[in-house]
Protein backbone atom coordinates (compact mmCIF):
# COMPACT_ATOMS: atom_id res chain seq x y z
CA MET A 1 -5.71 14.42 -33.23
CA ILE A 2 -5.61 16.53 -30.07
CA ARG A 3 -8.79 17.92 -28.52
CA PHE A 4 -8.11 20.51 -25.82
CA ARG A 5 -10.25 21.03 -22.71
CA ASP A 6 -9.79 24.60 -21.50
CA ARG A 7 -9.57 24.97 -17.74
CA GLY A 8 -12.06 27.83 -17.76
CA ALA A 9 -14.69 25.84 -19.66
CA ARG A 10 -14.92 23.04 -17.10
CA GLY A 11 -17.98 22.56 -14.96
CA ARG A 12 -17.75 24.02 -11.48
CA HIS A 13 -19.37 23.50 -8.12
CA GLN A 14 -18.39 26.23 -5.67
CA GLY A 15 -19.85 25.51 -2.25
CA GLY A 16 -18.96 26.51 1.26
CA GLN A 17 -16.86 23.38 1.79
CA ILE A 18 -15.58 22.22 -1.60
CA ASP A 19 -14.60 24.17 -4.72
CA ALA A 20 -14.66 21.59 -7.52
CA HIS A 21 -13.88 21.75 -11.24
CA HIS A 22 -15.22 18.96 -13.46
CA SER A 23 -13.53 18.06 -16.76
CA PHE A 24 -16.51 15.77 -17.52
CA SER A 25 -20.19 15.73 -16.57
CA PHE A 26 -20.56 15.11 -12.85
CA ALA A 27 -23.32 15.62 -10.28
CA ASP A 28 -25.28 18.76 -11.25
CA TYR A 29 -22.93 19.57 -14.15
CA ASN A 30 -24.15 17.93 -17.36
CA ASP A 31 -22.65 18.51 -20.80
CA PRO A 32 -23.45 15.87 -23.46
CA LYS A 33 -20.17 16.74 -25.25
CA TYR A 34 -18.14 15.83 -22.17
CA MET A 35 -19.43 12.58 -20.70
CA GLY A 36 -15.97 11.05 -20.41
CA PHE A 37 -13.17 9.88 -22.66
CA ARG A 38 -12.97 6.16 -23.42
CA ALA A 39 -12.74 4.39 -20.02
CA LEU A 40 -12.10 7.71 -18.23
CA ARG A 41 -15.42 8.80 -16.75
CA VAL A 42 -14.55 11.50 -14.18
CA LEU A 43 -11.67 13.89 -13.65
CA ASN A 44 -12.36 16.37 -10.85
CA GLU A 45 -10.03 18.95 -9.33
CA ASP A 46 -11.17 19.68 -5.76
CA ARG A 47 -10.13 22.13 -3.08
CA VAL A 48 -11.53 21.25 0.34
CA VAL A 49 -11.64 23.71 3.24
CA PRO A 50 -10.27 22.65 6.67
CA GLY A 51 -12.49 20.16 8.47
CA ALA A 52 -14.83 19.69 5.52
CA GLY A 53 -15.42 16.78 3.19
CA LEU A 54 -17.97 14.24 2.05
CA PRO A 55 -20.06 12.17 4.49
CA GLU A 56 -20.38 8.43 4.03
CA HIS A 57 -21.70 7.50 0.59
CA GLY A 58 -21.50 4.55 -1.77
CA HIS A 59 -20.01 3.56 -5.13
CA GLN A 60 -20.24 0.49 -7.33
CA ASP A 61 -18.33 -0.78 -10.38
CA MET A 62 -15.79 2.03 -10.62
CA GLU A 63 -12.03 2.40 -10.16
CA ILE A 64 -11.58 5.60 -8.12
CA VAL A 65 -8.11 7.13 -7.91
CA THR A 66 -7.35 10.14 -5.69
CA ILE A 67 -4.10 12.08 -6.08
CA VAL A 68 -3.44 14.49 -3.22
CA LEU A 69 -1.53 17.57 -4.43
CA LYS A 70 -1.51 19.66 -1.26
CA GLY A 71 -2.58 18.99 2.31
CA ALA A 72 -4.20 15.70 3.24
CA ILE A 73 -7.46 13.77 3.15
CA GLU A 74 -8.77 11.38 5.80
CA HIS A 75 -10.41 8.21 4.47
CA ARG A 76 -12.73 5.74 6.18
CA ASP A 77 -14.68 2.90 4.56
CA ASP A 78 -16.89 -0.05 5.40
CA LEU A 79 -14.03 -2.47 4.65
CA GLY A 80 -12.41 -1.25 7.87
CA ASN A 81 -9.81 0.98 6.25
CA SER A 82 -8.89 4.21 8.02
CA ALA A 83 -6.04 6.26 6.60
CA ILE A 84 -4.60 9.70 5.95
CA ILE A 85 -3.54 10.34 2.34
CA ARG A 86 -0.98 13.15 2.18
CA ALA A 87 0.44 15.26 -0.64
CA GLY A 88 2.42 13.03 -2.99
CA GLU A 89 0.36 9.95 -2.12
CA VAL A 90 -2.18 8.22 -4.34
CA GLN A 91 -5.24 6.24 -3.24
CA ARG A 92 -7.16 3.64 -5.25
CA MET A 93 -10.57 2.22 -4.42
CA SER A 94 -12.03 -0.56 -6.52
CA ALA A 95 -15.72 -0.23 -5.76
CA GLY A 96 -16.67 -3.61 -7.26
CA THR A 97 -19.97 -4.89 -5.90
CA GLY A 98 -20.16 -1.91 -3.57
CA ILE A 99 -18.16 0.18 -1.11
CA ARG A 100 -19.18 2.94 1.29
CA HIS A 101 -16.68 5.58 2.40
CA SER A 102 -16.22 9.10 3.74
CA GLU A 103 -13.47 11.62 3.02
CA ARG A 104 -12.58 14.80 4.94
CA ASN A 105 -9.80 17.33 5.27
CA PRO A 106 -8.33 16.62 8.73
CA SER A 107 -6.44 19.92 8.95
CA ALA A 108 -7.59 22.81 11.12
CA ASP A 109 -6.04 25.47 8.90
CA GLU A 110 -4.90 24.13 5.49
CA ARG A 111 -7.00 23.54 2.40
CA THR A 112 -6.64 20.21 0.63
CA HIS A 113 -6.04 20.22 -3.13
CA LEU A 114 -6.59 16.94 -4.99
CA LEU A 115 -7.51 15.25 -8.23
CA GLN A 116 -10.11 12.49 -8.28
CA ILE A 117 -10.28 10.21 -11.31
CA TRP A 118 -12.87 7.54 -12.08
CA ILE A 119 -12.04 4.72 -14.49
CA ILE A 120 -14.71 2.33 -15.75
CA PRO A 121 -13.46 -1.21 -14.97
CA ALA A 122 -13.02 -3.85 -17.66
CA GLU A 123 -15.58 -6.06 -15.90
CA THR A 124 -18.31 -5.33 -13.40
CA GLY A 125 -18.55 -6.97 -9.99
CA GLY A 126 -15.75 -8.37 -7.90
CA LEU A 127 -14.88 -7.72 -4.28
CA PRO A 128 -14.23 -4.09 -3.36
CA SER A 129 -10.66 -3.25 -2.35
CA TYR A 130 -8.44 -0.37 -1.22
CA GLU A 131 -4.82 0.60 -1.79
CA GLN A 132 -2.60 3.66 -1.27
CA LYS A 133 1.07 4.42 -1.92
CA SER A 134 3.50 7.30 -1.78
CA PHE A 135 5.15 8.52 -4.98
CA THR A 136 7.19 11.35 -3.41
CA THR A 137 10.64 9.88 -4.09
CA SER A 138 13.03 12.83 -3.77
CA GLY A 139 15.00 13.74 -6.87
CA VAL A 140 12.71 11.83 -9.26
CA ARG A 141 12.09 14.54 -11.83
CA ASN A 142 11.94 14.94 -15.58
CA ARG A 143 10.70 11.41 -16.20
CA TRP A 144 7.42 9.50 -16.02
CA ILE A 145 6.47 7.86 -12.72
CA THR A 146 3.81 5.16 -13.10
CA VAL A 147 1.30 5.52 -10.25
CA ALA A 148 -1.46 3.12 -11.36
CA SER A 149 -1.79 0.38 -13.98
CA GLY A 150 -3.71 -2.72 -14.85
CA ASP A 151 -0.76 -4.98 -13.99
CA GLY A 152 0.78 -3.06 -11.08
CA ARG A 153 3.95 -2.38 -13.05
CA GLU A 154 6.86 -0.53 -11.45
CA GLY A 155 5.28 -0.80 -8.02
CA SER A 156 2.19 1.14 -9.03
CA LEU A 157 -1.35 0.79 -7.69
CA THR A 158 -3.43 -1.82 -9.52
CA LEU A 159 -6.49 -1.04 -11.64
CA ARG A 160 -9.21 -3.37 -12.93
CA GLN A 161 -8.73 -1.92 -16.39
CA ASP A 162 -6.03 -1.94 -19.09
CA SER A 163 -5.06 1.62 -18.25
CA VAL A 164 -1.91 3.36 -17.05
CA MET A 165 -1.59 6.59 -15.03
CA ALA A 166 1.77 8.34 -14.95
CA ILE A 167 2.99 11.63 -13.46
CA ALA A 168 5.94 13.75 -14.62
CA ARG A 169 7.39 16.54 -12.47
CA LEU A 170 9.43 18.79 -14.76
CA ASP A 171 12.03 21.47 -14.21
CA ASP A 172 11.74 24.74 -16.12
CA GLY A 173 12.96 24.24 -19.69
CA LYS A 174 13.05 20.44 -19.54
CA SER A 175 11.37 18.24 -22.16
CA ILE A 176 9.93 14.74 -22.02
CA GLU A 177 8.59 12.46 -24.73
CA ARG A 178 6.58 9.25 -24.88
CA GLN A 179 5.79 6.98 -27.78
CA LEU A 180 2.07 6.36 -28.17
CA ASP A 181 -0.03 3.56 -29.59
CA PRO A 182 -2.33 5.20 -32.20
CA THR A 183 -5.04 2.61 -31.43
CA ARG A 184 -5.33 3.84 -27.83
CA GLY A 185 -6.45 7.11 -26.27
CA TYR A 186 -4.46 9.40 -23.98
CA TRP A 187 -5.60 12.13 -21.63
CA VAL A 188 -3.11 14.80 -20.56
CA GLN A 189 -3.92 16.95 -17.52
CA VAL A 190 -1.73 19.87 -16.46
CA VAL A 191 -1.49 19.62 -12.67
CA GLY A 192 0.70 22.69 -12.28
CA GLY A 193 2.76 25.17 -14.27
CA ILE A 194 2.87 25.91 -18.00
CA ILE A 195 3.83 23.42 -20.71
CA ALA A 196 3.76 22.99 -24.47
CA LEU A 197 2.05 19.76 -25.57
CA ASN A 198 3.23 18.92 -29.08
CA GLY A 199 3.98 22.63 -29.45
CA ILE A 200 0.66 23.95 -28.06
CA GLU A 201 0.64 25.90 -24.78
CA MET A 202 -1.30 24.48 -21.83
CA ARG A 203 -1.62 25.78 -18.28
CA GLU A 204 -2.63 24.44 -14.88
CA GLY A 205 -6.13 22.93 -15.12
CA ASP A 206 -6.06 22.45 -18.89
CA GLY A 207 -6.62 18.98 -20.32
CA ALA A 208 -6.32 17.31 -23.70
CA ALA A 209 -7.59 14.11 -25.32
CA MET A 210 -5.14 12.53 -27.77
CA THR A 211 -6.18 9.96 -30.38
CA LEU A 212 -4.48 8.62 -33.52
CA GLU A 213 -1.17 10.10 -32.33
CA ASP A 214 2.15 8.24 -32.19
CA THR A 215 4.23 10.69 -30.15
CA LEU A 216 3.65 12.88 -27.11
CA SER A 217 6.12 15.70 -26.53
CA ILE A 218 6.00 17.99 -23.50
CA GLU A 219 8.24 20.99 -22.88
CA ALA A 220 8.02 22.80 -19.54
CA ASP A 221 7.92 26.59 -19.76
CA THR A 222 7.99 26.75 -15.94
CA GLU A 223 8.35 24.13 -13.26
CA ALA A 224 5.41 21.89 -14.06
CA GLU A 225 3.57 18.70 -13.18
CA VAL A 226 1.62 16.64 -15.70
CA LEU A 227 -0.70 13.64 -15.41
CA LEU A 228 -0.98 11.21 -18.32
CA ILE A 229 -3.76 8.59 -18.51
CA ASP A 230 -3.35 5.84 -21.13
CA LEU A 231 -6.71 4.29 -22.04
CA PRO A 232 -7.98 1.35 -24.12
């Protein structure tokens, strides 16, 4: 079964500093039909104007993954981490018993475009931690690149949940498949371009929840980028 989430039906917060689209209920956007999908609680697509961002605030008991698509974001937290996450890099914060952080666009003239994903951890508590890595390997196209997982496979970031996040960057006309476990759930998010998911057209910003499926097939109708989240 495939349940599509149309890009235009997402929640939206359009402020002077951040233009955000919410696939699931978040902040002032509340839709009882979209409170998350399995362990996936939040999937936000944000565009941040130069110099803007979020002041210091706290989180607890959440795995927070940020994928920078364009521009950069500057991170600071109360663990002592200070870093710039650039396009092609992925950041993971395990909030655990509590972490405070701030994020801002350090550019004077370029908007930042990013995805932020929250995963509910398998267990609450634990020490907070931080990790970031680059997944911009040149020439790696038309195949899945694992960027986060519960066991850190293939050099990915580590999550406190039995979940896997993978990105595929596809050339126009290329296809990619993946065998699925029908007992698990899968979220597909179109990061860019136009694709066909199991024969159904999807465009940038569209999402889909897949359950009771044994095969995922994606064909790129343009150059495209797709995020896949495998969930218990």
